[in-house]
C-alpha cells in the first residue's frame, strides 16, 4: 500500500490498493473461520460435547476475534468502496485510520495460526 502524508488526499491507486488488501485479509480470515469451525465440530463430536472443564472449544476464542476482525473489515471495505465509487475525496487522516484498521486485521489474522485438518480419521480406525 502507498503512503499518504498529512497534507495530501489519498490517490485512486492507494484507495484501490487498500481495498484489495482489506478484501484479501477478509477472505483469508473467513477461510480460517470455516476451517476452525469444522475442527471445533470434529472436536465436539469426538468428545460427545465439550469435556468437563472446557469453557469453550479449542478455536472458540480465535473465532470470536476473527468475527470481530471481519466485522471491522466490512466497515473499512464499505467506506473504501463508497469513496471509490463516488470519486469524492477523503481526508488523509481518515484514510490513515482505515489503513490502521487494515493493519490490525492483518495482525489478527497472523495471530490466528492455522487450524488443524478437520478430517475425522478416527471413524476409519474403529473398523
N, C-alpha and C. Protein backbone atom coordinates (compact mmCIF):
# COMPACT_ATOMS: atom_id res chain seq x y z
N UNK A 1 0.83 -1.18 0.00
CA UNK A 1 0.00 0.00 0.00
C UNK A 1 0.87 1.23 0.00
N UNK A 2 0.39 2.26 -0.69
CA UNK A 2 1.15 3.50 -0.74
C UNK A 2 1.03 4.26 0.57
N UNK A 3 1.86 5.25 0.70
CA UNK A 3 1.81 6.06 1.92
C UNK A 3 1.15 7.39 1.59
N UNK A 4 0.44 7.91 2.54
CA UNK A 4 -0.25 9.18 2.37
C UNK A 4 0.27 10.12 3.44
N UNK A 5 0.80 11.27 3.02
CA UNK A 5 1.28 12.20 4.04
C UNK A 5 0.12 13.05 4.55
N UNK A 6 0.37 13.79 5.59
CA UNK A 6 -0.70 14.51 6.29
C UNK A 6 -1.39 15.56 5.44
N UNK A 7 -0.74 16.07 4.40
CA UNK A 7 -1.33 17.17 3.65
C UNK A 7 -1.98 16.75 2.34
N UNK A 8 -1.88 15.50 1.96
CA UNK A 8 -2.46 15.11 0.68
C UNK A 8 -3.60 14.12 0.85
N UNK A 9 -4.50 14.15 -0.12
CA UNK A 9 -5.60 13.19 -0.14
C UNK A 9 -5.08 11.89 -0.73
N UNK A 10 -5.69 10.78 -0.36
CA UNK A 10 -5.26 9.52 -0.97
C UNK A 10 -5.62 9.50 -2.45
N UNK A 11 -4.74 8.93 -3.25
CA UNK A 11 -5.00 8.81 -4.67
C UNK A 11 -5.80 7.56 -4.97
N UNK A 12 -6.32 7.49 -6.19
CA UNK A 12 -7.11 6.33 -6.61
C UNK A 12 -6.35 5.02 -6.41
N UNK A 13 -5.06 5.02 -6.77
CA UNK A 13 -4.29 3.78 -6.66
C UNK A 13 -4.12 3.36 -5.20
N UNK A 14 -4.00 4.32 -4.29
CA UNK A 14 -3.89 3.99 -2.87
C UNK A 14 -5.20 3.43 -2.33
N UNK A 15 -6.29 4.01 -2.78
CA UNK A 15 -7.61 3.52 -2.36
C UNK A 15 -7.83 2.10 -2.89
N UNK A 16 -7.51 1.88 -4.16
CA UNK A 16 -7.69 0.55 -4.76
C UNK A 16 -6.79 -0.48 -4.08
N UNK A 17 -5.57 -0.10 -3.77
CA UNK A 17 -4.64 -1.00 -3.09
C UNK A 17 -5.16 -1.36 -1.70
N UNK A 18 -5.62 -0.37 -0.96
CA UNK A 18 -6.16 -0.62 0.38
C UNK A 18 -7.40 -1.50 0.32
N UNK A 19 -8.26 -1.25 -0.66
CA UNK A 19 -9.47 -2.04 -0.83
C UNK A 19 -9.12 -3.50 -1.16
N UNK A 20 -8.17 -3.70 -2.04
CA UNK A 20 -7.74 -5.06 -2.40
C UNK A 20 -7.15 -5.78 -1.19
N UNK A 21 -6.32 -5.08 -0.42
CA UNK A 21 -5.69 -5.68 0.76
C UNK A 21 -6.74 -6.03 1.81
N UNK A 22 -7.68 -5.13 2.07
CA UNK A 22 -8.74 -5.40 3.05
C UNK A 22 -9.59 -6.58 2.61
N UNK A 23 -9.90 -6.66 1.33
CA UNK A 23 -10.70 -7.77 0.81
C UNK A 23 -9.96 -9.09 0.94
N UNK A 24 -8.66 -9.09 0.66
CA UNK A 24 -7.87 -10.31 0.75
C UNK A 24 -7.80 -10.80 2.21
N UNK A 25 -7.54 -9.87 3.13
CA UNK A 25 -7.45 -10.25 4.54
C UNK A 25 -8.80 -10.78 5.02
N UNK A 26 -9.88 -10.13 4.60
CA UNK A 26 -11.22 -10.59 4.99
C UNK A 26 -11.44 -12.01 4.49
N UNK A 27 -11.11 -12.29 3.24
CA UNK A 27 -11.32 -13.62 2.68
C UNK A 27 -10.45 -14.66 3.40
N UNK A 28 -9.21 -14.32 3.67
CA UNK A 28 -8.32 -15.24 4.39
C UNK A 28 -8.86 -15.52 5.80
N UNK A 29 -9.39 -14.49 6.45
CA UNK A 29 -9.95 -14.67 7.79
C UNK A 29 -11.19 -15.54 7.74
N UNK A 30 -12.05 -15.33 6.74
CA UNK A 30 -13.23 -16.17 6.59
C UNK A 30 -12.85 -17.63 6.32
N UNK A 31 -11.80 -17.84 5.54
CA UNK A 31 -11.32 -19.20 5.28
C UNK A 31 -10.84 -19.85 6.57
N UNK A 32 -10.09 -19.10 7.38
CA UNK A 32 -9.66 -19.60 8.68
C UNK A 32 -10.87 -19.98 9.53
N UNK A 33 -11.86 -19.10 9.57
CA UNK A 33 -13.04 -19.34 10.40
C UNK A 33 -13.75 -20.62 9.98
N UNK A 34 -13.88 -20.83 8.69
CA UNK A 34 -14.55 -22.03 8.19
C UNK A 34 -13.79 -23.28 8.63
N UNK A 35 -12.47 -23.28 8.47
CA UNK A 35 -11.66 -24.43 8.87
C UNK A 35 -11.71 -24.63 10.39
N UNK A 36 -11.66 -23.55 11.15
CA UNK A 36 -11.69 -23.64 12.61
C UNK A 36 -13.03 -24.17 13.10
N UNK A 37 -14.11 -23.73 12.48
CA UNK A 37 -15.43 -24.24 12.86
C UNK A 37 -15.54 -25.73 12.58
N UNK A 38 -15.00 -26.18 11.45
CA UNK A 38 -15.00 -27.62 11.15
C UNK A 38 -14.19 -28.38 12.20
N UNK A 39 -13.02 -27.85 12.55
CA UNK A 39 -12.17 -28.51 13.56
C UNK A 39 -12.89 -28.56 14.90
N UNK A 40 -13.56 -27.47 15.27
CA UNK A 40 -14.31 -27.46 16.53
C UNK A 40 -15.45 -28.47 16.50
N UNK A 41 -16.14 -28.58 15.38
CA UNK A 41 -17.24 -29.54 15.26
C UNK A 41 -16.73 -30.97 15.41
N UNK A 42 -15.59 -31.28 14.81
CA UNK A 42 -14.99 -32.60 14.96
C UNK A 42 -14.61 -32.83 16.43
N UNK A 43 -14.03 -31.83 17.06
CA UNK A 43 -13.65 -31.92 18.48
C UNK A 43 -14.88 -32.24 19.33
N UNK A 44 -15.97 -31.53 19.10
CA UNK A 44 -17.20 -31.73 19.87
C UNK A 44 -17.76 -33.13 19.61
N UNK A 45 -17.78 -33.55 18.35
CA UNK A 45 -18.31 -34.87 18.01
C UNK A 45 -17.46 -35.98 18.65
N UNK A 46 -16.16 -35.85 18.58
CA UNK A 46 -15.27 -36.88 19.16
C UNK A 46 -15.40 -36.96 20.68
N UNK A 47 -15.68 -35.85 21.30
CA UNK A 47 -15.77 -35.81 22.76
C UNK A 47 -17.21 -35.84 23.26
N UNK A 48 -18.15 -36.06 22.36
CA UNK A 48 -19.58 -36.06 22.70
C UNK A 48 -19.94 -34.81 23.49
N UNK A 49 -19.53 -33.70 22.96
CA UNK A 49 -19.74 -32.40 23.61
C UNK A 49 -18.41 -31.88 24.10
N UNK A 50 -18.45 -30.82 24.85
CA UNK A 50 -17.22 -30.27 25.42
C UNK A 50 -16.88 -31.05 26.68
N UNK A 51 -15.64 -31.54 26.79
CA UNK A 51 -15.25 -32.26 28.00
C UNK A 51 -15.38 -31.37 29.24
N UNK A 52 -15.57 -32.00 30.37
CA UNK A 52 -15.70 -31.26 31.62
C UNK A 52 -14.46 -30.40 31.84
N UNK A 53 -14.66 -29.19 32.26
CA UNK A 53 -13.55 -28.27 32.48
C UNK A 53 -13.28 -27.36 31.30
N UNK A 54 -13.82 -27.70 30.12
CA UNK A 54 -13.64 -26.84 28.95
C UNK A 54 -14.72 -25.77 28.96
N UNK A 55 -14.32 -24.53 28.90
CA UNK A 55 -15.31 -23.47 28.82
C UNK A 55 -15.66 -23.18 27.37
N UNK A 56 -14.77 -23.55 26.47
CA UNK A 56 -15.03 -23.37 25.05
C UNK A 56 -14.21 -24.39 24.27
N UNK A 57 -14.50 -24.51 23.01
CA UNK A 57 -13.77 -25.42 22.15
C UNK A 57 -12.39 -24.84 21.86
N UNK A 58 -11.47 -25.65 21.32
CA UNK A 58 -10.10 -25.15 21.10
C UNK A 58 -10.01 -23.85 20.29
N UNK A 59 -10.88 -23.66 19.33
CA UNK A 59 -10.80 -22.46 18.50
C UNK A 59 -11.86 -21.42 18.84
N UNK A 60 -12.57 -21.60 19.95
CA UNK A 60 -13.64 -20.68 20.31
C UNK A 60 -13.20 -19.23 20.41
N UNK A 61 -12.13 -18.98 21.15
CA UNK A 61 -11.65 -17.60 21.32
C UNK A 61 -11.13 -17.03 20.01
N UNK A 62 -10.44 -17.85 19.24
CA UNK A 62 -9.93 -17.38 17.94
C UNK A 62 -11.07 -17.01 17.02
N UNK A 63 -12.15 -17.78 17.06
CA UNK A 63 -13.30 -17.47 16.21
C UNK A 63 -13.95 -16.15 16.60
N UNK A 64 -14.01 -15.86 17.88
CA UNK A 64 -14.57 -14.58 18.33
C UNK A 64 -13.73 -13.43 17.79
N UNK A 65 -12.41 -13.53 17.94
CA UNK A 65 -11.51 -12.49 17.43
C UNK A 65 -11.61 -12.35 15.92
N UNK A 66 -11.72 -13.47 15.23
CA UNK A 66 -11.82 -13.44 13.77
C UNK A 66 -13.13 -12.78 13.33
N UNK A 67 -14.22 -13.10 14.01
CA UNK A 67 -15.51 -12.47 13.66
C UNK A 67 -15.46 -10.96 13.86
N UNK A 68 -14.87 -10.53 14.96
CA UNK A 68 -14.75 -9.09 15.22
C UNK A 68 -13.89 -8.42 14.15
N UNK A 69 -12.83 -9.07 13.75
CA UNK A 69 -11.95 -8.53 12.71
C UNK A 69 -12.70 -8.40 11.39
N UNK A 70 -13.47 -9.43 11.03
CA UNK A 70 -14.24 -9.38 9.79
C UNK A 70 -15.28 -8.26 9.85
N UNK A 71 -15.93 -8.10 11.00
CA UNK A 71 -16.92 -7.02 11.14
C UNK A 71 -16.27 -5.65 10.90
N UNK A 72 -15.09 -5.44 11.49
CA UNK A 72 -14.40 -4.15 11.30
C UNK A 72 -13.96 -3.99 9.84
N UNK A 73 -13.49 -5.08 9.24
CA UNK A 73 -13.07 -5.00 7.83
C UNK A 73 -14.25 -4.68 6.92
N UNK A 74 -15.42 -5.18 7.24
CA UNK A 74 -16.60 -4.87 6.42
C UNK A 74 -16.87 -3.36 6.41
N UNK A 75 -16.67 -2.71 7.53
CA UNK A 75 -16.85 -1.26 7.61
C UNK A 75 -15.78 -0.56 6.77
N UNK A 76 -14.53 -1.02 6.88
CA UNK A 76 -13.44 -0.44 6.09
C UNK A 76 -13.72 -0.62 4.60
N UNK A 77 -14.10 -1.82 4.20
CA UNK A 77 -14.36 -2.11 2.78
C UNK A 77 -15.52 -1.26 2.28
N UNK A 78 -16.56 -1.13 3.09
CA UNK A 78 -17.70 -0.31 2.71
C UNK A 78 -17.29 1.15 2.52
N UNK A 79 -16.49 1.67 3.44
CA UNK A 79 -16.02 3.06 3.34
C UNK A 79 -15.17 3.27 2.09
N UNK A 80 -14.25 2.34 1.85
CA UNK A 80 -13.37 2.47 0.67
C UNK A 80 -14.15 2.32 -0.63
N UNK A 81 -15.10 1.41 -0.66
CA UNK A 81 -15.91 1.21 -1.86
C UNK A 81 -16.74 2.45 -2.15
N UNK A 82 -17.35 3.00 -1.12
CA UNK A 82 -18.15 4.22 -1.28
C UNK A 82 -17.27 5.36 -1.78
N UNK A 83 -16.08 5.48 -1.22
CA UNK A 83 -15.14 6.52 -1.64
C UNK A 83 -14.74 6.31 -3.10
N UNK A 84 -14.46 5.08 -3.46
CA UNK A 84 -14.03 4.76 -4.83
C UNK A 84 -15.15 5.06 -5.84
N UNK A 85 -16.36 4.70 -5.51
CA UNK A 85 -17.49 4.87 -6.44
C UNK A 85 -17.91 6.33 -6.58
N UNK A 86 -17.80 7.08 -5.50
CA UNK A 86 -18.29 8.46 -5.52
C UNK A 86 -17.28 9.43 -6.11
N UNK A 87 -16.05 8.99 -6.24
CA UNK A 87 -14.96 9.86 -6.70
C UNK A 87 -14.83 11.09 -5.80
N UNK A 88 -15.26 10.93 -4.55
CA UNK A 88 -15.12 12.01 -3.59
C UNK A 88 -13.70 12.00 -3.04
N UNK A 89 -13.41 12.96 -2.23
CA UNK A 89 -12.10 13.00 -1.60
C UNK A 89 -12.24 12.58 -0.14
N UNK A 90 -11.14 12.20 0.44
CA UNK A 90 -11.12 11.79 1.84
C UNK A 90 -9.93 12.47 2.49
N UNK A 91 -10.13 12.92 3.71
CA UNK A 91 -9.02 13.50 4.44
C UNK A 91 -7.95 12.43 4.65
N UNK A 92 -6.71 12.84 4.55
CA UNK A 92 -5.60 11.90 4.71
C UNK A 92 -5.65 11.21 6.08
N UNK A 93 -6.03 11.94 7.11
CA UNK A 93 -6.10 11.34 8.45
C UNK A 93 -7.15 10.24 8.52
N UNK A 94 -8.28 10.45 7.87
CA UNK A 94 -9.33 9.42 7.84
C UNK A 94 -8.85 8.19 7.08
N UNK A 95 -8.16 8.42 5.97
CA UNK A 95 -7.64 7.31 5.18
C UNK A 95 -6.60 6.54 5.99
N UNK A 96 -5.74 7.25 6.69
CA UNK A 96 -4.72 6.58 7.51
C UNK A 96 -5.38 5.72 8.59
N UNK A 97 -6.50 6.18 9.13
CA UNK A 97 -7.23 5.38 10.13
C UNK A 97 -7.75 4.08 9.50
N UNK A 98 -8.24 4.15 8.28
CA UNK A 98 -8.67 2.93 7.59
C UNK A 98 -7.48 2.00 7.37
N UNK A 99 -6.33 2.56 7.01
CA UNK A 99 -5.13 1.74 6.82
C UNK A 99 -4.70 1.08 8.13
N UNK A 100 -4.84 1.81 9.24
CA UNK A 100 -4.50 1.23 10.55
C UNK A 100 -5.44 0.06 10.87
N UNK A 101 -6.70 0.20 10.52
CA UNK A 101 -7.67 -0.87 10.76
C UNK A 101 -7.33 -2.11 9.92
N UNK A 102 -6.89 -1.88 8.70
CA UNK A 102 -6.46 -2.99 7.85
C UNK A 102 -5.24 -3.67 8.48
N UNK A 103 -4.32 -2.89 9.00
CA UNK A 103 -3.13 -3.46 9.65
C UNK A 103 -3.53 -4.26 10.89
N UNK A 104 -4.48 -3.75 11.67
CA UNK A 104 -4.96 -4.51 12.84
C UNK A 104 -5.52 -5.86 12.41
N UNK A 105 -6.29 -5.86 11.32
CA UNK A 105 -6.87 -7.11 10.81
C UNK A 105 -5.77 -8.06 10.34
N UNK A 106 -4.73 -7.52 9.72
CA UNK A 106 -3.61 -8.35 9.27
C UNK A 106 -2.92 -9.00 10.47
N UNK A 107 -2.72 -8.24 11.53
CA UNK A 107 -2.08 -8.77 12.74
C UNK A 107 -2.98 -9.83 13.39
N UNK A 108 -4.27 -9.57 13.43
CA UNK A 108 -5.21 -10.56 13.98
C UNK A 108 -5.14 -11.85 13.19
N UNK A 109 -5.16 -11.75 11.87
CA UNK A 109 -5.09 -12.94 11.02
C UNK A 109 -3.80 -13.70 11.26
N UNK A 110 -2.69 -12.99 11.35
CA UNK A 110 -1.40 -13.64 11.58
C UNK A 110 -1.39 -14.36 12.93
N UNK A 111 -2.05 -13.79 13.91
CA UNK A 111 -2.10 -14.39 15.23
C UNK A 111 -3.02 -15.59 15.35
N UNK A 112 -3.90 -15.77 14.39
CA UNK A 112 -4.84 -16.88 14.46
C UNK A 112 -4.18 -18.23 14.25
N UNK A 113 -3.14 -18.25 13.46
CA UNK A 113 -2.49 -19.53 13.19
C UNK A 113 -3.29 -20.33 12.18
N UNK A 114 -3.01 -21.61 12.12
CA UNK A 114 -3.68 -22.49 11.16
C UNK A 114 -4.42 -23.57 11.92
N UNK A 115 -5.71 -23.72 11.67
CA UNK A 115 -6.44 -24.79 12.34
C UNK A 115 -6.00 -26.15 11.80
N UNK A 116 -6.11 -27.18 12.61
CA UNK A 116 -5.71 -28.50 12.14
C UNK A 116 -6.66 -28.99 11.06
N UNK A 117 -6.22 -29.98 10.33
CA UNK A 117 -7.07 -30.63 9.35
C UNK A 117 -8.26 -31.20 10.12
N UNK A 118 -9.46 -30.92 9.68
CA UNK A 118 -10.63 -31.32 10.45
C UNK A 118 -11.20 -32.66 10.00
N UNK A 119 -10.50 -33.37 9.15
CA UNK A 119 -10.99 -34.67 8.71
C UNK A 119 -11.11 -35.60 9.90
N UNK A 120 -12.17 -36.35 9.96
CA UNK A 120 -12.43 -37.27 11.07
C UNK A 120 -11.87 -38.64 10.73
N UNK A 121 -10.59 -38.87 11.08
CA UNK A 121 -9.90 -40.11 10.76
C UNK A 121 -10.21 -41.22 11.76
N UNK A 122 -10.67 -40.90 12.95
CA UNK A 122 -10.90 -41.93 13.97
C UNK A 122 -11.97 -42.93 13.56
N UNK A 123 -12.95 -42.50 12.78
CA UNK A 123 -14.02 -43.41 12.37
C UNK A 123 -13.48 -44.58 11.57
N UNK A 124 -12.47 -44.35 10.75
CA UNK A 124 -11.91 -45.40 9.92
C UNK A 124 -11.12 -46.40 10.75
N UNK A 125 -10.50 -45.97 11.84
CA UNK A 125 -9.66 -46.83 12.65
C UNK A 125 -10.46 -47.81 13.49
N UNK A 126 -11.75 -47.55 13.71
CA UNK A 126 -12.57 -48.40 14.57
C UNK A 126 -13.02 -49.67 13.89
N UNK A 127 -12.84 -49.81 12.59
CA UNK A 127 -13.30 -51.00 11.85
C UNK A 127 -12.58 -52.24 12.24
